[in-house]
């Protein structure tokens, strides 16, 4: 099969199995976890530092078809504050990391309506 693909012009690389785990070798899953945590921390920091929006500005931004990353972060901040009925100024990185998850906010809204 590999020869057929090579003849068709495809570049094929054969991946060698990873040797037995060594304590000095960082596993791919560890690297992915570290990078994911770093990205998540950067997103939370960006939301915390985003511009504070009033309801009218948030509605205008939501109606835009294309938004900048800064506008998206500002809307995220607005939605979190709106969901928990707190001021945008009082949002901290710790609060956003704990309660800013979309599924948690959805659960909280449903719970509040009971």
PDB file of N, CA and C in Angstrom:
ATOM      1  N   UNK A   1       0.827  -1.197   0.000  1.00  0.00           N
ATOM      2  CA  UNK A   1       0.000   0.000   0.000  1.00  0.00           C
ATOM      3  C   UNK A   1       0.868   1.257   0.000  1.00  0.00           C
ATOM      4  N   UNK A   2       1.929   1.240   0.815  1.00  0.00           N
ATOM      5  CA  UNK A   2       2.812   2.390   0.901  1.00  0.00           C
ATOM      6  C   UNK A   2       3.489   2.636  -0.443  1.00  0.00           C
ATOM      7  N   UNK A   3       3.930   1.555  -1.104  1.00  0.00           N
ATOM      8  CA  UNK A   3       4.573   1.710  -2.414  1.00  0.00           C
ATOM      9  C   UNK A   3       3.613   2.317  -3.422  1.00  0.00           C
ATOM     10  N   UNK A   4       2.356   1.896  -3.393  1.00  0.00           N
ATOM     11  CA  UNK A   4       1.351   2.431  -4.313  1.00  0.00           C
ATOM     12  C   UNK A   4       1.186   3.940  -4.113  1.00  0.00           C
ATOM     13  N   UNK A   5       1.097   4.363  -2.869  1.00  0.00           N
ATOM     14  CA  UNK A   5       0.932   5.786  -2.569  1.00  0.00           C
ATOM     15  C   UNK A   5       2.170   6.584  -2.973  1.00  0.00           C
ATOM     16  N   UNK A   6       3.347   6.008  -2.764  1.00  0.00           N
ATOM     17  CA  UNK A   6       4.573   6.702  -3.171  1.00  0.00           C
ATOM     18  C   UNK A   6       4.627   6.866  -4.683  1.00  0.00           C
ATOM     19  N   UNK A   7       4.221   5.814  -5.411  1.00  0.00           N
ATOM     20  CA  UNK A   7       4.194   5.893  -6.874  1.00  0.00           C
ATOM     21  C   UNK A   7       3.196   6.937  -7.351  1.00  0.00           C
ATOM     22  N   UNK A   8       2.140   7.160  -6.562  1.00  0.00           N
ATOM     23  CA  UNK A   8       1.130   8.154  -6.918  1.00  0.00           C
ATOM     24  C   UNK A   8       1.611   9.574  -6.612  1.00  0.00           C
ATOM     25  N   UNK A   9       2.810   9.689  -6.049  1.00  0.00           N
ATOM     26  CA  UNK A   9       3.370  11.010  -5.797  1.00  0.00           C
ATOM     27  C   UNK A   9       3.196  11.510  -4.380  1.00  0.00           C
ATOM     28  N   UNK A  10       2.662  10.696  -3.495  1.00  0.00           N
ATOM     29  CA  UNK A  10       2.471  11.125  -2.108  1.00  0.00           C
ATOM     30  C   UNK A  10       3.742  10.876  -1.308  1.00  0.00           C
ATOM     31  N   UNK A  11       4.010  11.749  -0.397  1.00  0.00           N
ATOM     32  CA  UNK A  11       5.158  11.594   0.490  1.00  0.00           C
ATOM     33  C   UNK A  11       4.673  10.850   1.726  1.00  0.00           C
ATOM     34  N   UNK A  12       5.282   9.722   1.993  1.00  0.00           N
ATOM     35  CA  UNK A  12       4.861   8.872   3.103  1.00  0.00           C
ATOM     36  C   UNK A  12       5.987   8.826   4.126  1.00  0.00           C
ATOM     37  N   UNK A  13       5.642   9.066   5.366  1.00  0.00           N
ATOM     38  CA  UNK A  13       6.602   8.949   6.461  1.00  0.00           C
ATOM     39  C   UNK A  13       6.138   7.829   7.364  1.00  0.00           C
ATOM     40  N   UNK A  14       7.046   6.979   7.727  1.00  0.00           N
ATOM     41  CA  UNK A  14       6.708   5.884   8.631  1.00  0.00           C
ATOM     42  C   UNK A  14       7.116   6.310  10.028  1.00  0.00           C
ATOM     43  N   UNK A  15       6.171   6.257  10.927  1.00  0.00           N
ATOM     44  CA  UNK A  15       6.403   6.683  12.302  1.00  0.00           C
ATOM     45  C   UNK A  15       6.864   5.478  13.109  1.00  0.00           C
ATOM     46  N   UNK A  16       7.991   5.634  13.737  1.00  0.00           N
ATOM     47  CA  UNK A  16       8.525   4.568  14.570  1.00  0.00           C
ATOM     48  C   UNK A  16       7.802   4.578  15.916  1.00  0.00           C
ATOM     49  N   UNK A  17       7.581   3.407  16.515  1.00  0.00           N
ATOM     50  CA  UNK A  17       6.928   3.382  17.831  1.00  0.00           C
ATOM     51  C   UNK A  17       7.799   4.083  18.867  1.00  0.00           C
ATOM     52  N   UNK A  18       7.142   4.701  19.805  1.00  0.00           N
ATOM     53  CA  UNK A  18       7.845   5.416  20.869  1.00  0.00           C
ATOM     54  C   UNK A  18       8.461   4.384  21.809  1.00  0.00           C
ATOM     55  N   UNK A  19       9.724   4.563  22.151  1.00  0.00           N
ATOM     56  CA  UNK A  19      10.354   3.605  23.068  1.00  0.00           C
ATOM     57  C   UNK A  19       9.701   3.660  24.447  1.00  0.00           C
ATOM     58  N   UNK A  20      10.049   2.686  25.255  1.00  0.00           N
ATOM     59  CA  UNK A  20       9.503   2.603  26.605  1.00  0.00           C
ATOM     60  C   UNK A  20       9.625   3.954  27.307  1.00  0.00           C
ATOM     61  N   UNK A  21       8.606   4.290  28.075  1.00  0.00           N
ATOM     62  CA  UNK A  21       8.537   5.595  28.737  1.00  0.00           C
ATOM     63  C   UNK A  21       9.763   5.817  29.611  1.00  0.00           C
ATOM     64  N   UNK A  22      10.323   6.980  29.485  1.00  0.00           N
ATOM     65  CA  UNK A  22      11.476   7.384  30.274  1.00  0.00           C
ATOM     66  C   UNK A  22      11.073   8.625  31.062  1.00  0.00           C
ATOM     67  N   UNK A  23      11.480   8.693  32.309  1.00  0.00           N
ATOM     68  CA  UNK A  23      11.106   9.830  33.149  1.00  0.00           C
ATOM     69  C   UNK A  23      11.613  11.151  32.588  1.00  0.00           C
ATOM     70  N   UNK A  24      12.679  11.109  31.833  1.00  0.00           N
ATOM     71  CA  UNK A  24      13.256  12.334  31.287  1.00  0.00           C
ATOM     72  C   UNK A  24      12.561  12.795  30.013  1.00  0.00           C
ATOM     73  N   UNK A  25      11.691  11.971  29.472  1.00  0.00           N
ATOM     74  CA  UNK A  25      11.002  12.298  28.227  1.00  0.00           C
ATOM     75  C   UNK A  25       9.620  12.852  28.560  1.00  0.00           C
ATOM     76  N   UNK A  26       9.295  14.002  28.005  1.00  0.00           N
ATOM     77  CA  UNK A  26       7.980  14.589  28.209  1.00  0.00           C
ATOM     78  C   UNK A  26       7.020  13.966  27.207  1.00  0.00           C
ATOM     79  N   UNK A  27       5.922  13.444  27.699  1.00  0.00           N
ATOM     80  CA  UNK A  27       4.964  12.806  26.798  1.00  0.00           C
ATOM     81  C   UNK A  27       4.167  13.863  26.042  1.00  0.00           C
ATOM     82  N   UNK A  28       3.645  13.452  24.910  1.00  0.00           N
ATOM     83  CA  UNK A  28       2.851  14.354  24.091  1.00  0.00           C
ATOM     84  C   UNK A  28       1.629  14.842  24.858  1.00  0.00           C
ATOM     85  N   UNK A  29       1.010  13.953  25.630  1.00  0.00           N
ATOM     86  CA  UNK A  29      -0.177  14.366  26.384  1.00  0.00           C
ATOM     87  C   UNK A  29       0.170  15.425  27.428  1.00  0.00           C
ATOM     88  N   UNK A  30       1.356  15.343  28.016  1.00  0.00           N
ATOM     89  CA  UNK A  30       1.771  16.364  28.982  1.00  0.00           C
ATOM     90  C   UNK A  30       1.962  17.712  28.296  1.00  0.00           C
ATOM     91  N   UNK A  31       2.542  17.680  27.105  1.00  0.00           N
ATOM     92  CA  UNK A  31       2.748  18.918  26.350  1.00  0.00           C
ATOM     93  C   UNK A  31       1.410  19.528  25.977  1.00  0.00           C
ATOM     94  N   UNK A  32       0.469  18.691  25.527  1.00  0.00           N
ATOM     95  CA  UNK A  32      -0.860  19.175  25.144  1.00  0.00           C
ATOM     96  C   UNK A  32      -1.573  19.773  26.350  1.00  0.00           C
ATOM     97  N   UNK A  33      -1.506  19.099  27.498  1.00  0.00           N
ATOM     98  CA  UNK A  33      -2.148  19.616  28.709  1.00  0.00           C
ATOM     99  C   UNK A  33      -1.558  20.968  29.111  1.00  0.00           C
ATOM    100  N   UNK A  34      -0.250  21.073  29.040  1.00  0.00           N
ATOM    101  CA  UNK A  34       0.411  22.325  29.404  1.00  0.00           C
ATOM    102  C   UNK A  34       0.011  23.448  28.458  1.00  0.00           C
ATOM    103  N   UNK A  35       0.014  23.158  27.155  1.00  0.00           N
ATOM    104  CA  UNK A  35      -0.375  24.181  26.178  1.00  0.00           C
ATOM    105  C   UNK A  35      -1.840  24.565  26.326  1.00  0.00           C
ATOM    106  N   UNK A  36      -2.706  23.594  26.598  1.00  0.00           N
ATOM    107  CA  UNK A  36      -4.127  23.886  26.792  1.00  0.00           C
ATOM    108  C   UNK A  36      -4.333  24.782  28.004  1.00  0.00           C
ATOM    109  N   UNK A  37      -3.623  24.485  29.074  1.00  0.00           N
ATOM    110  CA  UNK A  37      -3.738  25.306  30.285  1.00  0.00           C
ATOM    111  C   UNK A  37      -3.243  26.726  30.025  1.00  0.00           C
ATOM    112  N   UNK A  38      -2.178  26.845  29.254  1.00  0.00           N
ATOM    113  CA  UNK A  38      -1.636  28.168  28.927  1.00  0.00           C
ATOM    114  C   UNK A  38      -2.623  28.964  28.089  1.00  0.00           C
ATOM    115  N   UNK A  39      -3.193  28.322  27.084  1.00  0.00           N
ATOM    116  CA  UNK A  39      -4.170  28.993  26.220  1.00  0.00           C
ATOM    117  C   UNK A  39      -5.392  29.400  27.021  1.00  0.00           C
ATOM    118  N   UNK A  40      -5.884  28.515  27.893  1.00  0.00           N
ATOM    119  CA  UNK A  40      -7.053  28.821  28.716  1.00  0.00           C
ATOM    120  C   UNK A  40      -6.761  30.020  29.621  1.00  0.00           C
ATOM    121  N   UNK A  41      -5.583  30.050  30.219  1.00  0.00           N
ATOM    122  CA  UNK A  41      -5.214  31.176  31.088  1.00  0.00           C
ATOM    123  C   UNK A  41      -5.154  32.478  30.296  1.00  0.00           C
ATOM    124  N   UNK A  42      -4.642  32.413  29.071  1.00  0.00           N
ATOM    125  CA  UNK A  42      -4.586  33.613  28.228  1.00  0.00           C
ATOM    126  C   UNK A  42      -5.986  34.092  27.860  1.00  0.00           C
ATOM    127  N   UNK A  43      -6.896  33.147  27.564  1.00  0.00           N
ATOM    128  CA  UNK A  43      -8.277  33.519  27.236  1.00  0.00           C
ATOM    129  C   UNK A  43      -8.960  34.177  28.430  1.00  0.00           C
ATOM    130  N   UNK A  44      -8.776  33.604  29.607  1.00  0.00           N
ATOM    131  CA  UNK A  44      -9.388  34.157  30.817  1.00  0.00           C
ATOM    132  C   UNK A  44      -8.840  35.554  31.092  1.00  0.00           C
ATOM    133  N   UNK A  45      -7.546  35.716  30.931  1.00  0.00           N
ATOM    134  CA  UNK A  45      -6.933  37.030  31.127  1.00  0.00           C
ATOM    135  C   UNK A  45      -7.473  38.040  30.116  1.00  0.00           C
ATOM    136  N   UNK A  46      -7.646  37.601  28.871  1.00  0.00           N
ATOM    137  CA  UNK A  46      -8.175  38.494  27.832  1.00  0.00           C
ATOM    138  C   UNK A  46      -9.609  38.912  28.146  1.00  0.00           C
ATOM    139  N   UNK A  47     -10.417  37.986  28.655  1.00  0.00           N
ATOM    140  CA  UNK A  47     -11.801  38.314  29.017  1.00  0.00           C
ATOM    141  C   UNK A  47     -11.806  39.289  30.191  1.00  0.00           C
ATOM    142  N   UNK A  48     -10.945  39.030  31.174  1.00  0.00           N
ATOM    143  CA  UNK A  48     -10.872  39.907  32.341  1.00  0.00           C
ATOM    144  C   UNK A  48     -10.472  41.325  31.952  1.00  0.00           C
ATOM    145  N   UNK A  49      -9.584  41.455  30.992  1.00  0.00           N
ATOM    146  CA  UNK A  49      -9.078  42.770  30.583  1.00  0.00           C
ATOM    147  C   UNK A  49      -9.865  43.389  29.431  1.00  0.00           C
ATOM    148  N   UNK A  50     -10.914  42.730  28.976  1.00  0.00           N
ATOM    149  CA  UNK A  50     -11.700  43.240  27.846  1.00  0.00           C
ATOM    150  C   UNK A  50     -12.485  44.485  28.247  1.00  0.00           C
ATOM    151  N   UNK A  51     -12.868  45.246  27.239  1.00  0.00           N
ATOM    152  CA  UNK A  51     -13.674  46.448  27.474  1.00  0.00           C
ATOM    153  C   UNK A  51     -15.010  46.076  28.104  1.00  0.00           C
ATOM    154  N   UNK A  52     -15.486  46.940  28.971  1.00  0.00           N
ATOM    155  CA  UNK A  52     -16.776  46.725  29.619  1.00  0.00           C
ATOM    156  C   UNK A  52     -17.853  47.325  28.726  1.00  0.00           C
ATOM    157  N   UNK A  53     -18.863  46.519  28.412  1.00  0.00           N
ATOM    158  CA  UNK A  53     -19.926  46.946  27.501  1.00  0.00           C
ATOM    159  C   UNK A  53     -21.218  47.217  28.252  1.00  0.00           C
ATOM    160  N   UNK A  54     -21.990  48.173  27.752  1.00  0.00           N
ATOM    161  CA  UNK A  54     -23.353  48.330  28.244  1.00  0.00           C
ATOM    162  C   UNK A  54     -24.259  47.465  27.355  1.00  0.00           C
ATOM    163  N   UNK A  55     -25.532  47.347  27.725  1.00  0.00           N
ATOM    164  CA  UNK A  55     -26.449  46.464  26.994  1.00  0.00           C
ATOM    165  C   UNK A  55     -26.616  46.878  25.538  1.00  0.00           C
ATOM    166  N   UNK A  56     -26.684  48.175  25.283  1.00  0.00           N
ATOM    167  CA  UNK A  56     -26.895  48.645  23.908  1.00  0.00           C
ATOM    168  C   UNK A  56     -25.705  48.290  23.015  1.00  0.00           C
ATOM    169  N   UNK A  57     -24.505  48.523  23.520  1.00  0.00           N
ATOM    170  CA  UNK A  57     -23.306  48.207  22.744  1.00  0.00           C
ATOM    171  C   UNK A  57     -23.196  46.702  22.518  1.00  0.00           C
ATOM    172  N   UNK A  58     -23.537  45.920  23.537  1.00  0.00           N
ATOM    173  CA  UNK A  58     -23.495  44.462  23.399  1.00  0.00           C
ATOM    174  C   UNK A  58     -24.468  43.995  22.320  1.00  0.00           C
ATOM    175  N   UNK A  59     -25.661  44.570  22.291  1.00  0.00           N
ATOM    176  CA  UNK A  59     -26.636  44.199  21.262  1.00  0.00           C
ATOM    177  C   UNK A  59     -26.132  44.557  19.870  1.00  0.00           C
ATOM    178  N   UNK A  60     -25.493  45.718  19.737  1.00  0.00           N
ATOM    179  CA  UNK A  60     -24.926  46.111  18.440  1.00  0.00           C
ATOM    180  C   UNK A  60     -23.830  45.138  18.000  1.00  0.00           C
ATOM    181  N   UNK A  61     -22.964  44.769  18.932  1.00  0.00           N
ATOM    182  CA  UNK A  61     -21.891  43.836  18.594  1.00  0.00           C
ATOM    183  C   UNK A  61     -22.433  42.458  18.227  1.00  0.00           C
ATOM    184  N   UNK A  62     -23.458  42.011  18.940  1.00  0.00           N
ATOM    185  CA  UNK A  62     -24.035  40.701  18.642  1.00  0.00           C
ATOM    186  C   UNK A  62     -24.650  40.656  17.256  1.00  0.00           C
ATOM    187  N   UNK A  63     -25.154  41.783  16.782  1.00  0.00           N
ATOM    188  CA  UNK A  63     -25.788  41.806  15.466  1.00  0.00           C
ATOM    189  C   UNK A  63     -24.767  41.890  14.327  1.00  0.00           C
ATOM    190  N   UNK A  64     -23.519  42.227  14.639  1.00  0.00           N
ATOM    191  CA  UNK A  64     -22.483  42.285  13.609  1.00  0.00           C
ATOM    192  C   UNK A  64     -22.182  40.877  13.099  1.00  0.00           C
ATOM    193  N   UNK A  65     -22.002  40.758  11.789  1.00  0.00           N
ATOM    194  CA  UNK A  65     -21.691  39.438  11.235  1.00  0.00           C
ATOM    195  C   UNK A  65     -20.242  39.038  11.503  1.00  0.00           C
ATOM    196  N   UNK A  66     -19.337  39.996  11.491  1.00  0.00           N
ATOM    197  CA  UNK A  66     -17.928  39.707  11.773  1.00  0.00           C
ATOM    198  C   UNK A  66     -17.480  40.537  12.960  1.00  0.00           C
ATOM    199  N   UNK A  67     -16.824  39.851  13.896  1.00  0.00           N
ATOM    200  CA  UNK A  67     -16.362  40.515  15.110  1.00  0.00           C
ATOM    201  C   UNK A  67     -14.859  40.296  15.258  1.00  0.00           C
ATOM    202  N   UNK A  68     -14.198  41.258  15.854  1.00  0.00           N
ATOM    203  CA  UNK A  68     -12.780  41.087  16.167  1.00  0.00           C
ATOM    204  C   UNK A  68     -12.673  40.236  17.425  1.00  0.00           C
ATOM    205  N   UNK A  69     -11.484  39.712  17.671  1.00  0.00           N
ATOM    206  CA  UNK A  69     -11.266  38.912  18.871  1.00  0.00           C
ATOM    207  C   UNK A  69     -11.519  39.742  20.125  1.00  0.00           C
ATOM    208  N   UNK A  70     -11.143  41.005  20.094  1.00  0.00           N
ATOM    209  CA  UNK A  70     -11.380  41.898  21.237  1.00  0.00           C
ATOM    210  C   UNK A  70     -12.881  42.074  21.486  1.00  0.00           C
ATOM    211  N   UNK A  71     -13.663  42.203  20.423  1.00  0.00           N
ATOM    212  CA  UNK A  71     -15.119  42.338  20.569  1.00  0.00           C
ATOM    213  C   UNK A  71     -15.728  41.056  21.123  1.00  0.00           C
ATOM    214  N   UNK A  72     -15.222  39.917  20.688  1.00  0.00           N
ATOM    215  CA  UNK A  72     -15.722  38.637  21.198  1.00  0.00           C
ATOM    216  C   UNK A  72     -15.430  38.521  22.686  1.00  0.00           C
ATOM    217  N   UNK A  73     -14.230  38.893  23.101  1.00  0.00           N
ATOM    218  CA  UNK A  73     -13.870  38.834  24.528  1.00  0.00           C
ATOM    219  C   UNK A  73     -14.735  39.795  25.347  1.00  0.00           C
ATOM    220  N   UNK A  74     -15.022  40.972  24.809  1.00  0.00           N
ATOM    221  CA  UNK A  74     -15.890  41.926  25.503  1.00  0.00           C
ATOM    222  C   UNK A  74     -17.297  41.358  25.648  1.00  0.00           C
ATOM    223  N   UNK A  75     -17.788  40.708  24.595  1.00  0.00           N
ATOM    224  CA  UNK A  75     -19.108  40.073  24.681  1.00  0.00           C
ATOM    225  C   UNK A  75     -19.106  38.933  25.690  1.00  0.00           C
ATOM    226  N   UNK A  76     -18.030  38.149  25.725  1.00  0.00           N
ATOM    227  CA  UNK A  76     -17.927  37.076  26.721  1.00  0.00           C
ATOM    228  C   UNK A  76     -18.030  37.649  28.127  1.00  0.00           C
ATOM    229  N   UNK A  77     -17.296  38.727  28.370  1.00  0.00           N
ATOM    230  CA  UNK A  77     -17.324  39.373  29.688  1.00  0.00           C
ATOM    231  C   UNK A  77     -18.738  39.855  30.015  1.00  0.00           C
ATOM    232  N   UNK A  78     -19.383  40.469  29.038  1.00  0.00           N
ATOM    233  CA  UNK A  78     -20.746  40.967  29.233  1.00  0.00           C
ATOM    234  C   UNK A  78     -21.709  39.813  29.536  1.00  0.00           C
ATOM    235  N   UNK A  79     -21.595  38.712  28.806  1.00  0.00           N
ATOM    236  CA  UNK A  79     -22.512  37.584  28.991  1.00  0.00           C
ATOM    237  C   UNK A  79     -22.335  36.932  30.359  1.00  0.00           C
ATOM    238  N   UNK A  80     -21.090  36.829  30.811  1.00  0.00           N
ATOM    239  CA  UNK A  80     -20.840  36.250  32.134  1.00  0.00           C
ATOM    240  C   UNK A  80     -21.451  37.139  33.214  1.00  0.00           C
ATOM    241  N   UNK A  81     -21.208  38.437  33.133  1.00  0.00           N
ATOM    242  CA  UNK A  81     -21.762  39.367  34.124  1.00  0.00           C
ATOM    243  C   UNK A  81     -23.284  39.364  34.072  1.00  0.00           C
ATOM    244  N   UNK A  82     -23.847  39.313  32.879  1.00  0.00           N
ATOM    245  CA  UNK A  82     -25.297  39.313  32.710  1.00  0.00           C
ATOM    246  C   UNK A  82     -25.921  38.034  33.269  1.00  0.00           C
ATOM    247  N   UNK A  83     -25.277  36.900  33.028  1.00  0.00           N
ATOM    248  CA  UNK A  83     -25.805  35.618  33.497  1.00  0.00           C
ATOM    249  C   UNK A  83     -25.930  35.595  35.017  1.00  0.00           C
ATOM    250  N   UNK A  84     -24.889  36.035  35.712  1.00  0.00           N
ATOM    251  CA  UNK A  84     -24.877  35.971  37.171  1.00  0.00           C
ATOM    252  C   UNK A  84     -25.396  37.242  37.826  1.00  0.00           C
ATOM    253  N   UNK A  85     -25.850  38.190  36.992  1.00  0.00           N
ATOM    254  CA  UNK A  85     -26.411  39.448  37.475  1.00  0.00           C
ATOM    255  C   UNK A  85     -25.455  40.172  38.419  1.00  0.00           C
ATOM    256  N   UNK A  86     -24.206  40.294  37.979  1.00  0.00           N
ATOM    257  CA  UNK A  86     -23.206  41.048  38.727  1.00  0.00           C
ATOM    258  C   UNK A  86     -22.605  42.090  37.786  1.00  0.00           C
ATOM    259  N   UNK A  87     -21.906  43.050  38.340  1.00  0.00           N
ATOM    260  CA  UNK A  87     -21.318  44.093  37.495  1.00  0.00           C
ATOM    261  C   UNK A  87     -20.077  43.553  36.789  1.00  0.00           C
ATOM    262  N   UNK A  88     -19.849  44.040  35.595  1.00  0.00           N
ATOM    263  CA  UNK A  88     -18.667  43.623  34.829  1.00  0.00           C
ATOM    264  C   UNK A  88     -17.379  44.002  35.543  1.00  0.00           C
ATOM    265  N   UNK A  89     -17.423  45.093  36.294  1.00  0.00           N
ATOM    266  CA  UNK A  89     -16.238  45.551  37.005  1.00  0.00           C
ATOM    267  C   UNK A  89     -15.795  44.567  38.083  1.00  0.00           C
ATOM    268  N   UNK A  90     -16.733  43.803  38.624  1.00  0.00           N
ATOM    269  CA  UNK A  90     -16.399  42.905  39.728  1.00  0.00           C
ATOM    270  C   UNK A  90     -15.908  41.532  39.267  1.00  0.00           C
ATOM    271  N   UNK A  91     -15.864  41.295  37.957  1.00  0.00           N
ATOM    272  CA  UNK A  91     -15.382  40.005  37.456  1.00  0.00           C
ATOM    273  C   UNK A  91     -13.873  39.887  37.646  1.00  0.00           C
ATOM    274  N   UNK A  92     -13.455  38.773  38.211  1.00  0.00           N
ATOM    275  CA  UNK A  92     -12.028  38.502  38.389  1.00  0.00           C
ATOM    276  C   UNK A  92     -11.646  37.292  37.543  1.00  0.00           C
ATOM    277  N   UNK A  93     -10.359  37.088  37.365  1.00  0.00           N
ATOM    278  CA  UNK A  93      -9.897  35.920  36.612  1.00  0.00           C
ATOM    279  C   UNK A  93     -10.342  34.634  37.294  1.00  0.00           C
ATOM    280  N   UNK A  94     -10.298  34.611  38.617  1.00  0.00           N
ATOM    281  CA  UNK A  94     -10.709  33.418  39.362  1.00  0.00           C
ATOM    282  C   UNK A  94     -12.190  33.115  39.126  1.00  0.00           C
ATOM    283  N   UNK A  95     -13.037  34.145  39.167  1.00  0.00           N
ATOM    284  CA  UNK A  95     -14.470  33.953  38.942  1.00  0.00           C
ATOM    285  C   UNK A  95     -14.723  33.456  37.524  1.00  0.00           C
ATOM    286  N   UNK A  96     -14.067  34.069  36.548  1.00  0.00           N
ATOM    287  CA  UNK A  96     -14.274  33.681  35.152  1.00  0.00           C
ATOM    288  C   UNK A  96     -13.812  32.246  34.916  1.00  0.00           C
ATOM    289  N   UNK A  97     -12.674  31.866  35.492  1.00  0.00           N
ATOM    290  CA  UNK A  97     -12.183  30.504  35.283  1.00  0.00           C
ATOM    291  C   UNK A  97     -13.101  29.476  35.932  1.00  0.00           C
ATOM    292  N   UNK A  98     -13.738  29.850  37.026  1.00  0.00           N
ATOM    293  CA  UNK A  98     -14.602  28.905  37.736  1.00  0.00           C
ATOM    294  C   UNK A  98     -16.014  28.869  37.164  1.00  0.00           C
ATOM    295  N   UNK A  99     -16.575  30.017  36.812  1.00  0.00           N
ATOM    296  CA  UNK A  99     -17.981  30.087  36.424  1.00  0.00           C
ATOM    297  C   UNK A  99     -18.227  30.560  34.995  1.00  0.00           C
ATOM    298  N   UNK A 100     -17.188  30.831  34.226  1.00  0.00           N
ATOM    299  CA  UNK A 100     -17.357  31.346  32.873  1.00  0.00           C
ATOM    300  C   UNK A 100     -17.606  30.293  31.812  1.00  0.00           C
ATOM    301  N   UNK A 101     -17.612  29.038  32.188  1.00  0.00           N
ATOM    302  CA  UNK A 101     -17.858  27.949  31.252  1.00  0.00           C
ATOM    303  C   UNK A 101     -19.287  28.013  30.730  1.00  0.00           C
ATOM    304  N   UNK A 102     -19.447  27.854  29.409  1.00  0.00           N
ATOM    305  CA  UNK A 102     -20.768  27.962  28.785  1.00  0.00           C
ATOM    306  C   UNK A 102     -21.763  26.975  29.388  1.00  0.00           C
ATOM    307  N   UNK A 103     -21.364  25.726  29.585  1.00  0.00           N
ATOM    308  CA  UNK A 103     -22.286  24.720  30.123  1.00  0.00           C
ATOM    309  C   UNK A 103     -22.685  25.041  31.560  1.00  0.00           C
ATOM    310  N   UNK A 104     -21.752  25.562  32.345  1.00  0.00           N
ATOM    311  CA  UNK A 104     -22.072  25.933  33.716  1.00  0.00           C
ATOM    312  C   UNK A 104     -23.054  27.098  33.738  1.00  0.00           C
ATOM    313  N   UNK A 105     -22.841  28.066  32.841  1.00  0.00           N
ATOM    314  CA  UNK A 105     -23.756  29.209  32.768  1.00  0.00           C
ATOM    315  C   UNK A 105     -25.144  28.750  32.340  1.00  0.00           C
ATOM    316  N   UNK A 106     -25.217  27.815  31.405  1.00  0.00           N
ATOM    317  CA  UNK A 106     -26.499  27.277  30.949  1.00  0.00           C
ATOM    318  C   UNK A 106     -27.222  26.590  32.115  1.00  0.00           C
ATOM    319  N   UNK A 107     -26.474  25.812  32.898  1.00  0.00           N
ATOM    320  CA  UNK A 107     -27.049  25.141  34.054  1.00  0.00           C
ATOM    321  C   UNK A 107     -27.546  26.174  35.064  1.00  0.00           C
ATOM    322  N   UNK A 108     -26.756  27.220  35.316  1.00  0.00           N
ATOM    323  CA  UNK A 108     -27.123  28.243  36.286  1.00  0.00           C
ATOM    324  C   UNK A 108     -28.401  28.959  35.872  1.00  0.00           C
ATOM    325  N   UNK A 109     -28.541  29.287  34.586  1.00  0.00           N
ATOM    326  CA  UNK A 109     -29.763  29.948  34.101  1.00  0.00           C
ATOM    327  C   UNK A 109     -30.980  29.058  34.311  1.00  0.00           C
ATOM    328  N   UNK A 110     -30.834  27.770  34.010  1.00  0.00           N
ATOM    329  CA  UNK A 110     -31.946  26.832  34.195  1.00  0.00           C
ATOM    330  C   UNK A 110     -32.290  26.706  35.676  1.00  0.00           C
ATOM    331  N   UNK A 111     -31.285  26.646  36.528  1.00  0.00           N
ATOM    332  CA  UNK A 111     -31.502  26.544  37.968  1.00  0.00           C
ATOM    333  C   UNK A 111     -32.200  27.785  38.506  1.00  0.00           C
ATOM    334  N   UNK A 112     -31.798  28.944  38.013  1.00  0.00           N
ATOM    335  CA  UNK A 112     -32.380  30.207  38.468  1.00  0.00           C
ATOM    336  C   UNK A 112     -33.853  30.320  38.088  1.00  0.00           C
ATOM    337  N   UNK A 113     -34.252  29.679  36.990  1.00  0.00           N
ATOM    338  CA  UNK A 113     -35.638  29.763  36.538  1.00  0.00           C
ATOM    339  C   UNK A 113     -36.575  28.845  37.312  1.00  0.00           C
ATOM    340  N   UNK A 114     -36.023  27.941  38.123  1.00  0.00           N
ATOM    341  CA  UNK A 114     -36.880  27.025  38.903  1.00  0.00           C
ATOM    342  C   UNK A 114     -37.671  27.740  39.961  1.00  0.00           C
TER     343      UNK A 114
END
